Amino acid sequence: MSEIRKREDELRTSAAEKACNSIKRTVVIAEIGKAEGVEVTEADFEKEVVAISERTGAKLDMINEYLAEDQRRDAYEERIFRAKTMAVIMSHAKVQDKKLDPDQFEAEEQNEET
C-alpha cells in the first residue's frame, strides 16, 4: 500500500512541475509577444481558415461559422499569437550544432529533467 501512495505522490509532484513549467512558458511567450508587438489580425484568421479548410476539406464558410463563436475564436487567436511569437523568437535565435559523445548526451538529458 505504501508503494502505491509513494507512486501517487510522485505522479502528483510530476504533474505539478509540468503544470508550473507550462504556465511559465505561456507567460514568457505572452510577454515576448507583447514586447515584440505581435498582433493577430483578421488576415491571420483568414490564413488559418484556409489552412483548416485545406487540412480538413471543409468549406470556408463552415469554418468561419465555427470560428465565429467567441471561445473558439479566442482559442485560435491564442494559437496564432503563440505561433507568430515563436516565429519572432526563432528569427532571432542563433542555433549551433553541438557534438556530444553518448555520456555527455546522457548527462545533458538528466540536467534538463531537473
PDB file of N, CA and C in Angstrom:
ATOM      1  N   MET A   1       0.814  -1.198   0.000  1.00  0.00           N
ATOM      2  CA  MET A   1       0.000   0.000   0.000  1.00  0.00           C
ATOM      3  C   MET A   1       0.863   1.270   0.000  1.00  0.00           C
ATOM      4  N   SER A   2       1.935   1.258   0.766  1.00  0.00           N
ATOM      5  CA  SER A   2       2.803   2.431   0.812  1.00  0.00           C
ATOM      6  C   SER A   2       3.468   2.680  -0.539  1.00  0.00           C
ATOM      7  N   GLU A   3       3.712   1.619  -1.285  1.00  0.00           N
ATOM      8  CA  GLU A   3       4.296   1.747  -2.622  1.00  0.00           C
ATOM      9  C   GLU A   3       3.335   2.492  -3.556  1.00  0.00           C
ATOM     10  N   ILE A   4       2.055   2.194  -3.432  1.00  0.00           N
ATOM     11  CA  ILE A   4       1.037   2.874  -4.245  1.00  0.00           C
ATOM     12  C   ILE A   4       0.978   4.348  -3.872  1.00  0.00           C
ATOM     13  N   ARG A   5       0.992   4.636  -2.589  1.00  0.00           N
ATOM     14  CA  ARG A   5       0.932   6.026  -2.134  1.00  0.00           C
ATOM     15  C   ARG A   5       2.184   6.794  -2.574  1.00  0.00           C
ATOM     16  N   LYS A   6       3.333   6.128  -2.533  1.00  0.00           N
ATOM     17  CA  LYS A   6       4.575   6.755  -2.975  1.00  0.00           C
ATOM     18  C   LYS A   6       4.493   7.089  -4.460  1.00  0.00           C
ATOM     19  N   ARG A   7       3.997   6.159  -5.255  1.00  0.00           N
ATOM     20  CA  ARG A   7       3.855   6.383  -6.697  1.00  0.00           C
ATOM     21  C   ARG A   7       2.861   7.511  -6.970  1.00  0.00           C
ATOM     22  N   GLU A   8       1.790   7.533  -6.191  1.00  0.00           N
ATOM     23  CA  GLU A   8       0.789   8.593  -6.340  1.00  0.00           C
ATOM     24  C   GLU A   8       1.414   9.955  -6.048  1.00  0.00           C
ATOM     25  N   ASP A   9       2.222  10.036  -5.000  1.00  0.00           N
ATOM     26  CA  ASP A   9       2.904  11.286  -4.665  1.00  0.00           C
ATOM     27  C   ASP A   9       3.864  11.704  -5.776  1.00  0.00           C
ATOM     28  N   GLU A  10       4.580  10.737  -6.340  1.00  0.00           N
ATOM     29  CA  GLU A  10       5.490  11.031  -7.448  1.00  0.00           C
ATOM     30  C   GLU A  10       4.727  11.577  -8.650  1.00  0.00           C
ATOM     31  N   LEU A  11       3.587  10.977  -8.944  1.00  0.00           N
ATOM     32  CA  LEU A  11       2.767  11.439 -10.070  1.00  0.00           C
ATOM     33  C   LEU A  11       2.239  12.844  -9.823  1.00  0.00           C
ATOM     34  N   ARG A  12       1.804  13.115  -8.601  1.00  0.00           N
ATOM     35  CA  ARG A  12       1.314  14.460  -8.269  1.00  0.00           C
ATOM     36  C   ARG A  12       2.430  15.495  -8.406  1.00  0.00           C
ATOM     37  N   THR A  13       3.602  15.150  -7.899  1.00  0.00           N
ATOM     38  CA  THR A  13       4.738  16.064  -7.990  1.00  0.00           C
ATOM     39  C   THR A  13       5.101  16.322  -9.445  1.00  0.00           C
ATOM     40  N   SER A  14       5.154  15.276 -10.233  1.00  0.00           N
ATOM     41  CA  SER A  14       5.477  15.403 -11.647  1.00  0.00           C
ATOM     42  C   SER A  14       4.436  16.254 -12.375  1.00  0.00           C
ATOM     43  N   ALA A  15       3.171  16.006 -12.090  1.00  0.00           N
ATOM     44  CA  ALA A  15       2.100  16.778 -12.734  1.00  0.00           C
ATOM     45  C   ALA A  15       2.175  18.247 -12.334  1.00  0.00           C
ATOM     46  N   ALA A  16       2.469  18.516 -11.068  1.00  0.00           N
ATOM     47  CA  ALA A  16       2.579  19.897 -10.599  1.00  0.00           C
ATOM     48  C   ALA A  16       3.744  20.608 -11.283  1.00  0.00           C
ATOM     49  N   GLU A  17       4.869  19.924 -11.422  1.00  0.00           N
ATOM     50  CA  GLU A  17       6.029  20.512 -12.102  1.00  0.00           C
ATOM     51  C   GLU A  17       5.718  20.800 -13.565  1.00  0.00           C
ATOM     52  N   LYS A  18       5.058  19.864 -14.224  1.00  0.00           N
ATOM     53  CA  LYS A  18       4.703  20.065 -15.633  1.00  0.00           C
ATOM     54  C   LYS A  18       3.738  21.234 -15.787  1.00  0.00           C
ATOM     55  N   ALA A  19       2.764  21.330 -14.889  1.00  0.00           N
ATOM     56  CA  ALA A  19       1.803  22.434 -14.944  1.00  0.00           C
ATOM     57  C   ALA A  19       2.503  23.769 -14.721  1.00  0.00           C
ATOM     58  N   CYS A  20       3.400  23.802 -13.756  1.00  0.00           N
ATOM     59  CA  CYS A  20       4.145  25.026 -13.463  1.00  0.00           C
ATOM     60  C   CYS A  20       4.995  25.442 -14.665  1.00  0.00           C
ATOM     61  N   ASN A  21       5.685  24.493 -15.266  1.00  0.00           N
ATOM     62  CA  ASN A  21       6.500  24.793 -16.446  1.00  0.00           C
ATOM     63  C   ASN A  21       5.649  25.267 -17.615  1.00  0.00           C
ATOM     64  N   SER A  22       4.484  24.680 -17.782  1.00  0.00           N
ATOM     65  CA  SER A  22       3.577  25.089 -18.854  1.00  0.00           C
ATOM     66  C   SER A  22       3.115  26.530 -18.652  1.00  0.00           C
ATOM     67  N   ILE A  23       2.783  26.869 -17.420  1.00  0.00           N
ATOM     68  CA  ILE A  23       2.356  28.238 -17.111  1.00  0.00           C
ATOM     69  C   ILE A  23       3.498  29.213 -17.360  1.00  0.00           C
ATOM     70  N   LYS A  24       4.690  28.853 -16.939  1.00  0.00           N
ATOM     71  CA  LYS A  24       5.851  29.719 -17.164  1.00  0.00           C
ATOM     72  C   LYS A  24       6.069  29.958 -18.652  1.00  0.00           C
ATOM     73  N   ARG A  25       6.005  28.885 -19.458  1.00  0.00           N
ATOM     74  CA  ARG A  25       6.185  29.034 -20.908  1.00  0.00           C
ATOM     75  C   ARG A  25       5.129  29.962 -21.496  1.00  0.00           C
ATOM     76  N   THR A  26       3.893  29.775 -21.067  1.00  0.00           N
ATOM     77  CA  THR A  26       2.803  30.599 -21.585  1.00  0.00           C
ATOM     78  C   THR A  26       3.027  32.070 -21.256  1.00  0.00           C
ATOM     79  N   VAL A  27       3.418  32.352 -20.019  1.00  0.00           N
ATOM     80  CA  VAL A  27       3.650  33.735 -19.597  1.00  0.00           C
ATOM     81  C   VAL A  27       4.835  34.335 -20.350  1.00  0.00           C
ATOM     82  N   VAL A  28       5.908  33.586 -20.475  1.00  0.00           N
ATOM     83  CA  VAL A  28       7.093  34.091 -21.175  1.00  0.00           C
ATOM     84  C   VAL A  28       6.766  34.389 -22.633  1.00  0.00           C
ATOM     85  N   ILE A  29       6.083  33.479 -23.295  1.00  0.00           N
ATOM     86  CA  ILE A  29       5.722  33.702 -24.701  1.00  0.00           C
ATOM     87  C   ILE A  29       4.816  34.921 -24.829  1.00  0.00           C
ATOM     88  N   ALA A  30       3.864  35.067 -23.919  1.00  0.00           N
ATOM     89  CA  ALA A  30       2.964  36.227 -23.958  1.00  0.00           C
ATOM     90  C   ALA A  30       3.736  37.527 -23.773  1.00  0.00           C
ATOM     91  N   GLU A  31       4.668  37.553 -22.838  1.00  0.00           N
ATOM     92  CA  GLU A  31       5.450  38.765 -22.584  1.00  0.00           C
ATOM     93  C   GLU A  31       6.363  39.098 -23.761  1.00  0.00           C
ATOM     94  N   ILE A  32       6.977  38.093 -24.340  1.00  0.00           N
ATOM     95  CA  ILE A  32       7.823  38.329 -25.518  1.00  0.00           C
ATOM     96  C   ILE A  32       6.968  38.850 -26.667  1.00  0.00           C
ATOM     97  N   GLY A  33       5.810  38.242 -26.871  1.00  0.00           N
ATOM     98  CA  GLY A  33       4.911  38.692 -27.933  1.00  0.00           C
ATOM     99  C   GLY A  33       4.501  40.143 -27.759  1.00  0.00           C
ATOM    100  N   LYS A  34       4.161  40.514 -26.527  1.00  0.00           N
ATOM    101  CA  LYS A  34       3.791  41.913 -26.261  1.00  0.00           C
ATOM    102  C   LYS A  34       4.974  42.838 -26.505  1.00  0.00           C
ATOM    103  N   ALA A  35       6.151  42.450 -26.010  1.00  0.00           N
ATOM    104  CA  ALA A  35       7.338  43.286 -26.170  1.00  0.00           C
ATOM    105  C   ALA A  35       7.717  43.457 -27.641  1.00  0.00           C
ATOM    106  N   GLU A  36       7.477  42.440 -28.437  1.00  0.00           N
ATOM    107  CA  GLU A  36       7.815  42.480 -29.866  1.00  0.00           C
ATOM    108  C   GLU A  36       6.684  43.068 -30.714  1.00  0.00           C
ATOM    109  N   GLY A  37       5.570  43.397 -30.086  1.00  0.00           N
ATOM    110  CA  GLY A  37       4.456  43.992 -30.820  1.00  0.00           C
ATOM    111  C   GLY A  37       3.697  43.018 -31.700  1.00  0.00           C
ATOM    112  N   VAL A  38       3.689  41.753 -31.316  1.00  0.00           N
ATOM    113  CA  VAL A  38       2.972  40.741 -32.093  1.00  0.00           C
ATOM    114  C   VAL A  38       1.473  40.981 -31.949  1.00  0.00           C
ATOM    115  N   GLU A  39       0.788  41.004 -33.079  1.00  0.00           N
ATOM    116  CA  GLU A  39      -0.664  41.172 -33.082  1.00  0.00           C
ATOM    117  C   GLU A  39      -1.288  40.136 -34.008  1.00  0.00           C
ATOM    118  N   VAL A  40      -2.491  39.741 -33.669  1.00  0.00           N
ATOM    119  CA  VAL A  40      -3.246  38.818 -34.513  1.00  0.00           C
ATOM    120  C   VAL A  40      -4.250  39.653 -35.297  1.00  0.00           C
ATOM    121  N   THR A  41      -4.143  39.575 -36.621  1.00  0.00           N
ATOM    122  CA  THR A  41      -5.001  40.379 -37.486  1.00  0.00           C
ATOM    123  C   THR A  41      -6.087  39.517 -38.122  1.00  0.00           C
ATOM    124  N   GLU A  42      -7.000  40.188 -38.759  1.00  0.00           N
ATOM    125  CA  GLU A  42      -8.057  39.484 -39.491  1.00  0.00           C
ATOM    126  C   GLU A  42      -7.444  38.652 -40.615  1.00  0.00           C
ATOM    127  N   ALA A  43      -6.372  39.155 -41.210  1.00  0.00           N
ATOM    128  CA  ALA A  43      -5.680  38.401 -42.265  1.00  0.00           C
ATOM    129  C   ALA A  43      -5.102  37.098 -41.709  1.00  0.00           C
ATOM    130  N   ASP A  44      -4.640  37.134 -40.461  1.00  0.00           N
ATOM    131  CA  ASP A  44      -4.132  35.911 -39.825  1.00  0.00           C
ATOM    132  C   ASP A  44      -5.245  34.881 -39.689  1.00  0.00           C
ATOM    133  N   PHE A  45      -6.438  35.357 -39.296  1.00  0.00           N
ATOM    134  CA  PHE A  45      -7.577  34.445 -39.183  1.00  0.00           C
ATOM    135  C   PHE A  45      -7.956  33.868 -40.539  1.00  0.00           C
ATOM    136  N   GLU A  46      -7.926  34.707 -41.565  1.00  0.00           N
ATOM    137  CA  GLU A  46      -8.258  34.227 -42.907  1.00  0.00           C
ATOM    138  C   GLU A  46      -7.281  33.144 -43.358  1.00  0.00           C
ATOM    139  N   LYS A  47      -5.989  33.338 -43.078  1.00  0.00           N
ATOM    140  CA  LYS A  47      -4.986  32.316 -43.412  1.00  0.00           C
ATOM    141  C   LYS A  47      -5.264  31.029 -42.645  1.00  0.00           C
ATOM    142  N   GLU A  48      -5.642  31.162 -41.385  1.00  0.00           N
ATOM    143  CA  GLU A  48      -5.937  29.987 -40.559  1.00  0.00           C
ATOM    144  C   GLU A  48      -7.150  29.243 -41.097  1.00  0.00           C
ATOM    145  N   VAL A  49      -8.169  29.983 -41.517  1.00  0.00           N
ATOM    146  CA  VAL A  49      -9.368  29.364 -42.083  1.00  0.00           C
ATOM    147  C   VAL A  49      -9.005  28.572 -43.337  1.00  0.00           C
ATOM    148  N   VAL A  50      -8.193  29.160 -44.204  1.00  0.00           N
ATOM    149  CA  VAL A  50      -7.769  28.468 -45.424  1.00  0.00           C
ATOM    150  C   VAL A  50      -6.962  27.221 -45.069  1.00  0.00           C
ATOM    151  N   ALA A  51      -6.067  27.340 -44.090  1.00  0.00           N
ATOM    152  CA  ALA A  51      -5.248  26.189 -43.685  1.00  0.00           C
ATOM    153  C   ALA A  51      -6.120  25.065 -43.133  1.00  0.00           C
ATOM    154  N   ILE A  52      -7.104  25.416 -42.324  1.00  0.00           N
ATOM    155  CA  ILE A  52      -8.018  24.403 -41.774  1.00  0.00           C
ATOM    156  C   ILE A  52      -8.796  23.742 -42.902  1.00  0.00           C
ATOM    157  N   SER A  53      -9.261  24.556 -43.845  1.00  0.00           N
ATOM    158  CA  SER A  53     -10.013  24.030 -44.981  1.00  0.00           C
ATOM    159  C   SER A  53      -9.172  23.041 -45.785  1.00  0.00           C
ATOM    160  N   GLU A  54      -7.917  23.396 -46.008  1.00  0.00           N
ATOM    161  CA  GLU A  54      -7.032  22.509 -46.773  1.00  0.00           C
ATOM    162  C   GLU A  54      -6.762  21.207 -46.023  1.00  0.00           C
ATOM    163  N   ARG A  55      -6.624  21.298 -44.702  1.00  0.00           N
ATOM    164  CA  ARG A  55      -6.353  20.091 -43.902  1.00  0.00           C
ATOM    165  C   ARG A  55      -7.561  19.181 -43.798  1.00  0.00           C
ATOM    166  N   THR A  56      -8.741  19.793 -43.671  1.00  0.00           N
ATOM    167  CA  THR A  56      -9.937  19.000 -43.376  1.00  0.00           C
ATOM    168  C   THR A  56     -10.849  18.779 -44.571  1.00  0.00           C
ATOM    169  N   GLY A  57     -10.722  19.631 -45.580  1.00  0.00           N
ATOM    170  CA  GLY A  57     -11.622  19.543 -46.719  1.00  0.00           C
ATOM    171  C   GLY A  57     -12.958  20.230 -46.468  1.00  0.00           C
ATOM    172  N   ALA A  58     -13.086  20.896 -45.326  1.00  0.00           N
ATOM    173  CA  ALA A  58     -14.332  21.604 -45.002  1.00  0.00           C
ATOM    174  C   ALA A  58     -14.406  22.910 -45.793  1.00  0.00           C
ATOM    175  N   LYS A  59     -15.628  23.375 -46.009  1.00  0.00           N
ATOM    176  CA  LYS A  59     -15.842  24.617 -46.748  1.00  0.00           C
ATOM    177  C   LYS A  59     -15.473  25.814 -45.876  1.00  0.00           C
ATOM    178  N   LEU A  60     -14.987  26.869 -46.541  1.00  0.00           N
ATOM    179  CA  LEU A  60     -14.544  28.061 -45.828  1.00  0.00           C
ATOM    180  C   LEU A  60     -15.648  28.681 -44.978  1.00  0.00           C
ATOM    181  N   ASP A  61     -16.871  28.750 -45.517  1.00  0.00           N
ATOM    182  CA  ASP A  61     -17.947  29.377 -44.748  1.00  0.00           C
ATOM    183  C   ASP A  61     -18.296  28.570 -43.499  1.00  0.00           C
ATOM    184  N   MET A  62     -18.174  27.253 -43.577  1.00  0.00           N
ATOM    185  CA  MET A  62     -18.431  26.422 -42.395  1.00  0.00           C
ATOM    186  C   MET A  62     -17.379  26.680 -41.317  1.00  0.00           C
ATOM    187  N   ILE A  63     -16.141  26.818 -41.742  1.00  0.00           N
ATOM    188  CA  ILE A  63     -15.062  27.075 -40.784  1.00  0.00           C
ATOM    189  C   ILE A  63     -15.221  28.462 -40.177  1.00  0.00           C
ATOM    190  N   ASN A  64     -15.554  29.444 -41.000  1.00  0.00           N
ATOM    191  CA  ASN A  64     -15.785  30.798 -40.482  1.00  0.00           C
ATOM    192  C   ASN A  64     -16.904  30.807 -39.455  1.00  0.00           C
ATOM    193  N   GLU A  65     -17.959  30.075 -39.734  1.00  0.00           N
ATOM    194  CA  GLU A  65     -19.080  29.980 -38.796  1.00  0.00           C
ATOM    195  C   GLU A  65     -18.636  29.316 -37.490  1.00  0.00           C
ATOM    196  N   TYR A  66     -17.851  28.258 -37.619  1.00  0.00           N
ATOM    197  CA  TYR A  66     -17.341  27.541 -36.445  1.00  0.00           C
ATOM    198  C   TYR A  66     -16.470  28.460 -35.586  1.00  0.00           C
ATOM    199  N   LEU A  67     -15.603  29.236 -36.235  1.00  0.00           N
ATOM    200  CA  LEU A  67     -14.693  30.116 -35.501  1.00  0.00           C
ATOM    201  C   LEU A  67     -15.362  31.394 -35.007  1.00  0.00           C
ATOM    202  N   ALA A  68     -16.586  31.644 -35.444  1.00  0.00           N
ATOM    203  CA  ALA A  68     -17.275  32.865 -35.041  1.00  0.00           C
ATOM    204  C   ALA A  68     -17.631  32.874 -33.557  1.00  0.00           C
ATOM    205  N   GLU A  69     -17.764  31.706 -32.956  1.00  0.00           N
ATOM    206  CA  GLU A  69     -18.066  31.654 -31.529  1.00  0.00           C
ATOM    207  C   GLU A  69     -16.877  32.195 -30.745  1.00  0.00           C
ATOM    208  N   ASP A  70     -17.167  33.042 -29.747  1.00  0.00           N
ATOM    209  CA  ASP A  70     -16.124  33.747 -29.003  1.00  0.00           C
ATOM    210  C   ASP A  70     -15.051  32.831 -28.429  1.00  0.00           C
ATOM    211  N   GLN A  71     -15.455  31.757 -27.780  1.00  0.00           N
ATOM    212  CA  GLN A  71     -14.466  30.878 -27.150  1.00  0.00           C
ATOM    213  C   GLN A  71     -13.543  30.250 -28.187  1.00  0.00           C
ATOM    214  N   ARG A  72     -14.111  29.836 -29.295  1.00  0.00           N
ATOM    215  CA  ARG A  72     -13.288  29.224 -30.340  1.00  0.00           C
ATOM    216  C   ARG A  72     -12.361  30.259 -30.961  1.00  0.00           C
ATOM    217  N   ARG A  73     -12.905  31.420 -31.230  1.00  0.00           N
ATOM    218  CA  ARG A  73     -12.077  32.478 -31.818  1.00  0.00           C
ATOM    219  C   ARG A  73     -10.932  32.832 -30.873  1.00  0.00           C
ATOM    220  N   ASP A  74     -11.236  32.945 -29.589  1.00  0.00           N
ATOM    221  CA  ASP A  74     -10.189  33.248 -28.610  1.00  0.00           C
ATOM    222  C   ASP A  74      -9.112  32.171 -28.599  1.00  0.00           C
ATOM    223  N   ALA A  75      -9.525  30.916 -28.662  1.00  0.00           N
ATOM    224  CA  ALA A  75      -8.560  29.811 -28.655  1.00  0.00           C
ATOM    225  C   ALA A  75      -7.668  29.875 -29.893  1.00  0.00           C
ATOM    226  N   TYR A  76      -8.259  30.143 -31.047  1.00  0.00           N
ATOM    227  CA  TYR A  76      -7.460  30.233 -32.270  1.00  0.00           C
ATOM    228  C   TYR A  76      -6.593  31.483 -32.268  1.00  0.00           C
ATOM    229  N   GLU A  77      -7.102  32.564 -31.702  1.00  0.00           N
ATOM    230  CA  GLU A  77      -6.297  33.776 -31.599  1.00  0.00           C
ATOM    231  C   GLU A  77      -5.051  33.502 -30.751  1.00  0.00           C
ATOM    232  N   GLU A  78      -5.232  32.775 -29.661  1.00  0.00           N
ATOM    233  CA  GLU A  78      -4.097  32.416 -28.807  1.00  0.00           C
ATOM    234  C   GLU A  78      -3.096  31.544 -29.568  1.00  0.00           C
ATOM    235  N   ARG A  79      -3.590  30.578 -30.322  1.00  0.00           N
ATOM    236  CA  ARG A  79      -2.703  29.708 -31.111  1.00  0.00           C
ATOM    237  C   ARG A  79      -1.916  30.512 -32.143  1.00  0.00           C
ATOM    238  N   ILE A  80      -2.610  31.408 -32.831  1.00  0.00           N
ATOM    239  CA  ILE A  80      -1.956  32.230 -33.849  1.00  0.00           C
ATOM    240  C   ILE A  80      -0.917  33.138 -33.195  1.00  0.00           C
ATOM    241  N   PHE A  81      -1.279  33.737 -32.061  1.00  0.00           N
ATOM    242  CA  PHE A  81      -0.360  34.615 -31.334  1.00  0.00           C
ATOM    243  C   PHE A  81       0.908  33.858 -30.937  1.00  0.00           C
ATOM    244  N   ARG A  82       0.727  32.657 -30.380  1.00  0.00           N
ATOM    245  CA  ARG A  82       1.886  31.845 -29.980  1.00  0.00           C
ATOM    246  C   ARG A  82       2.756  31.504 -31.189  1.00  0.00           C
ATOM    247  N   ALA A  83       2.118  31.121 -32.286  1.00  0.00           N
ATOM    248  CA  ALA A  83       2.876  30.758 -33.490  1.00  0.00           C
ATOM    249  C   ALA A  83       3.662  31.953 -34.026  1.00  0.00           C
ATOM    250  N   LYS A  84       3.029  33.117 -34.063  1.00  0.00           N
ATOM    251  CA  LYS A  84       3.714  34.310 -34.552  1.00  0.00           C
ATOM    252  C   LYS A  84       4.850  34.710 -33.607  1.00  0.00           C
ATOM    253  N   THR A  85       4.615  34.592 -32.311  1.00  0.00           N
ATOM    254  CA  THR A  85       5.654  34.924 -31.336  1.00  0.00           C
ATOM    255  C   THR A  85       6.825  33.957 -31.448  1.00  0.00           C
ATOM    256  N   MET A  86       6.529  32.673 -31.598  1.00  0.00           N
ATOM    257  CA  MET A  86       7.603  31.687 -31.756  1.00  0.00           C
ATOM    258  C   MET A  86       8.393  31.948 -33.037  1.00  0.00           C
ATOM    259  N   ALA A  87       7.725  32.409 -34.080  1.00  0.00           N
ATOM    260  CA  ALA A  87       8.427  32.748 -35.322  1.00  0.00           C
ATOM    261  C   ALA A  87       9.391  33.912 -35.087  1.00  0.00           C
ATOM    262  N   VAL A  88       8.957  34.891 -34.293  1.00  0.00           N
ATOM    263  CA  VAL A  88       9.837  36.015 -33.951  1.00  0.00           C
ATOM    264  C   VAL A  88      11.034  35.513 -33.148  1.00  0.00           C
ATOM    265  N   ILE A  89      10.765  34.674 -32.157  1.00  0.00           N
ATOM    266  CA  ILE A  89      11.848  34.129 -31.328  1.00  0.00           C
ATOM    267  C   ILE A  89      12.845  33.366 -32.199  1.00  0.00           C
ATOM    268  N   MET A  90      12.330  32.515 -33.066  1.00  0.00           N
ATOM    269  CA  MET A  90      13.212  31.707 -33.915  1.00  0.00           C
ATOM    270  C   MET A  90      13.994  32.569 -34.906  1.00  0.00           C
ATOM    271  N   SER A  91      13.411  33.676 -35.339  1.00  0.00           N
ATOM    272  CA  SER A  91      14.130  34.545 -36.275  1.00  0.00           C
ATOM    273  C   SER A  91      15.323  35.217 -35.604  1.00  0.00           C
ATOM    274  N   HIS A  92      15.275  35.349 -34.279  1.00  0.00           N
ATOM    275  CA  HIS A  92      16.379  35.949 -33.529  1.00  0.00           C
ATOM    276  C   HIS A  92      17.332  34.909 -32.938  1.00  0.00           C
ATOM    277  N   ALA A  93      16.942  33.656 -32.995  1.00  0.00           N
ATOM    278  CA  ALA A  93      17.736  32.599 -32.357  1.00  0.00           C
ATOM    279  C   ALA A  93      19.000  32.308 -33.156  1.00  0.00           C
ATOM    280  N   LYS A  94      20.041  32.028 -32.426  1.00  0.00           N
ATOM    281  CA  LYS A  94      21.293  31.597 -33.044  1.00  0.00           C
ATOM    282  C   LYS A  94      21.509  30.160 -32.599  1.00  0.00           C
ATOM    283  N   VAL A  95      21.321  29.253 -33.530  1.00  0.00           N
ATOM    284  CA  VAL A  95      21.409  27.830 -33.218  1.00  0.00           C
ATOM    285  C   VAL A  95      22.761  27.309 -33.683  1.00  0.00           C
ATOM    286  N   GLN A  96      23.417  26.588 -32.788  1.00  0.00           N
ATOM    287  CA  GLN A  96      24.692  25.978 -33.132  1.00  0.00           C
ATOM    288  C   GLN A  96      24.610  24.494 -32.836  1.00  0.00           C
ATOM    289  N   ASP A  97      25.123  23.702 -33.764  1.00  0.00           N
ATOM    290  CA  ASP A  97      25.193  22.263 -33.528  1.00  0.00           C
ATOM    291  C   ASP A  97      26.280  21.996 -32.502  1.00  0.00           C
ATOM    292  N   LYS A  98      26.026  21.022 -31.677  1.00  0.00           N
ATOM    293  CA  LYS A  98      26.969  20.672 -30.628  1.00  0.00           C
ATOM    294  C   LYS A  98      27.181  19.172 -30.678  1.00  0.00           C
ATOM    295  N   LYS A  99      28.425  18.759 -30.807  1.00  0.00           N
ATOM    296  CA  LYS A  99      28.717  17.329 -30.854  1.00  0.00           C
ATOM    297  C   LYS A  99      28.931  16.819 -29.435  1.00  0.00           C
ATOM    298  N   LEU A 100      28.218  15.756 -29.118  1.00  0.00           N
ATOM    299  CA  LEU A 100      28.324  15.144 -27.801  1.00  0.00           C
ATOM    300  C   LEU A 100      28.591  13.663 -27.954  1.00  0.00           C
ATOM    301  N   ASP A 101      29.415  13.144 -27.059  1.00  0.00           N
ATOM    302  CA  ASP A 101      29.534  11.691 -27.025  1.00  0.00           C
ATOM    303  C   ASP A 101      28.348  11.165 -26.208  1.00  0.00           C
ATOM    304  N   PRO A 102      28.069   9.886 -26.243  1.00  0.00           N
ATOM    305  CA  PRO A 102      26.883   9.352 -25.557  1.00  0.00           C
ATOM    306  C   PRO A 102      26.802   9.701 -24.070  1.00  0.00           C
ATOM    307  N   ASP A 103      27.939   9.727 -23.375  1.00  0.00           N
ATOM    308  CA  ASP A 103      27.924  10.064 -21.947  1.00  0.00           C
ATOM    309  C   ASP A 103      27.533  11.523 -21.724  1.00  0.00           C
ATOM    310  N   GLN A 104      28.053  12.418 -22.544  1.00  0.00           N
ATOM    311  CA  GLN A 104      27.700  13.830 -22.434  1.00  0.00           C
ATOM    312  C   GLN A 104      26.218  14.043 -22.731  1.00  0.00           C
ATOM    313  N   PHE A 105      25.733  13.340 -23.751  1.00  0.00           N
ATOM    314  CA  PHE A 105      24.322  13.449 -24.111  1.00  0.00           C
ATOM    315  C   PHE A 105      23.440  13.029 -22.941  1.00  0.00           C
ATOM    316  N   GLU A 106      23.773  11.906 -22.331  1.00  0.00           N
ATOM    317  CA  GLU A 106      23.006  11.399 -21.189  1.00  0.00           C
ATOM    318  C   GLU A 106      23.039  12.395 -20.037  1.00  0.00           C
ATOM    319  N   ALA A 107      24.198  12.988 -19.774  1.00  0.00           N
ATOM    320  CA  ALA A 107      24.324  13.967 -18.690  1.00  0.00           C
ATOM    321  C   ALA A 107      23.463  15.196 -18.966  1.00  0.00           C
ATOM    322  N   GLU A 108      23.455  15.675 -20.202  1.00  0.00           N
ATOM    323  CA  GLU A 108      22.636  16.839 -20.545  1.00  0.00           C
ATOM    324  C   GLU A 108      21.151  16.525 -20.447  1.00  0.00           C
ATOM    325  N   GLU A 109      20.769  15.339 -20.852  1.00  0.00           N
ATOM    326  CA  GLU A 109      19.367  14.916 -20.742  1.00  0.00           C
ATOM    327  C   GLU A 109      18.928  14.933 -19.283  1.00  0.00           C
ATOM    328  N   GLN A 110      19.764  14.425 -18.396  1.00  0.00           N
ATOM    329  CA  GLN A 110      19.426  14.395 -16.975  1.00  0.00           C
ATOM    330  C   GLN A 110      19.360  15.799 -16.398  1.00  0.00           C
ATOM    331  N   ASN A 111      20.237  16.696 -16.842  1.00  0.00           N
ATOM    332  CA  ASN A 111      20.211  18.081 -16.368  1.00  0.00           C
ATOM    333  C   ASN A 111      18.936  18.792 -16.795  1.00  0.00           C
ATOM    334  N   GLU A 112      18.443  18.508 -17.992  1.00  0.00           N
ATOM    335  CA  GLU A 112      17.213  19.127 -18.479  1.00  0.00           C
ATOM    336  C   GLU A 112      16.003  18.670 -17.689  1.00  0.00           C
ATOM    337  N   GLU A 113      16.041  17.457 -17.178  1.00  0.00           N
ATOM    338  CA  GLU A 113      14.911  16.915 -16.424  1.00  0.00           C
ATOM    339  C   GLU A 113      14.811  17.515 -15.033  1.00  0.00           C
ATOM    340  N   THR A 114      15.894  18.080 -14.529  1.00  0.00           N
ATOM    341  CA  THR A 114      15.861  18.645 -13.173  1.00  0.00           C
ATOM    342  C   THR A 114      15.664  20.117 -13.172  1.00  0.00           C
TER     343      THR A 114
END
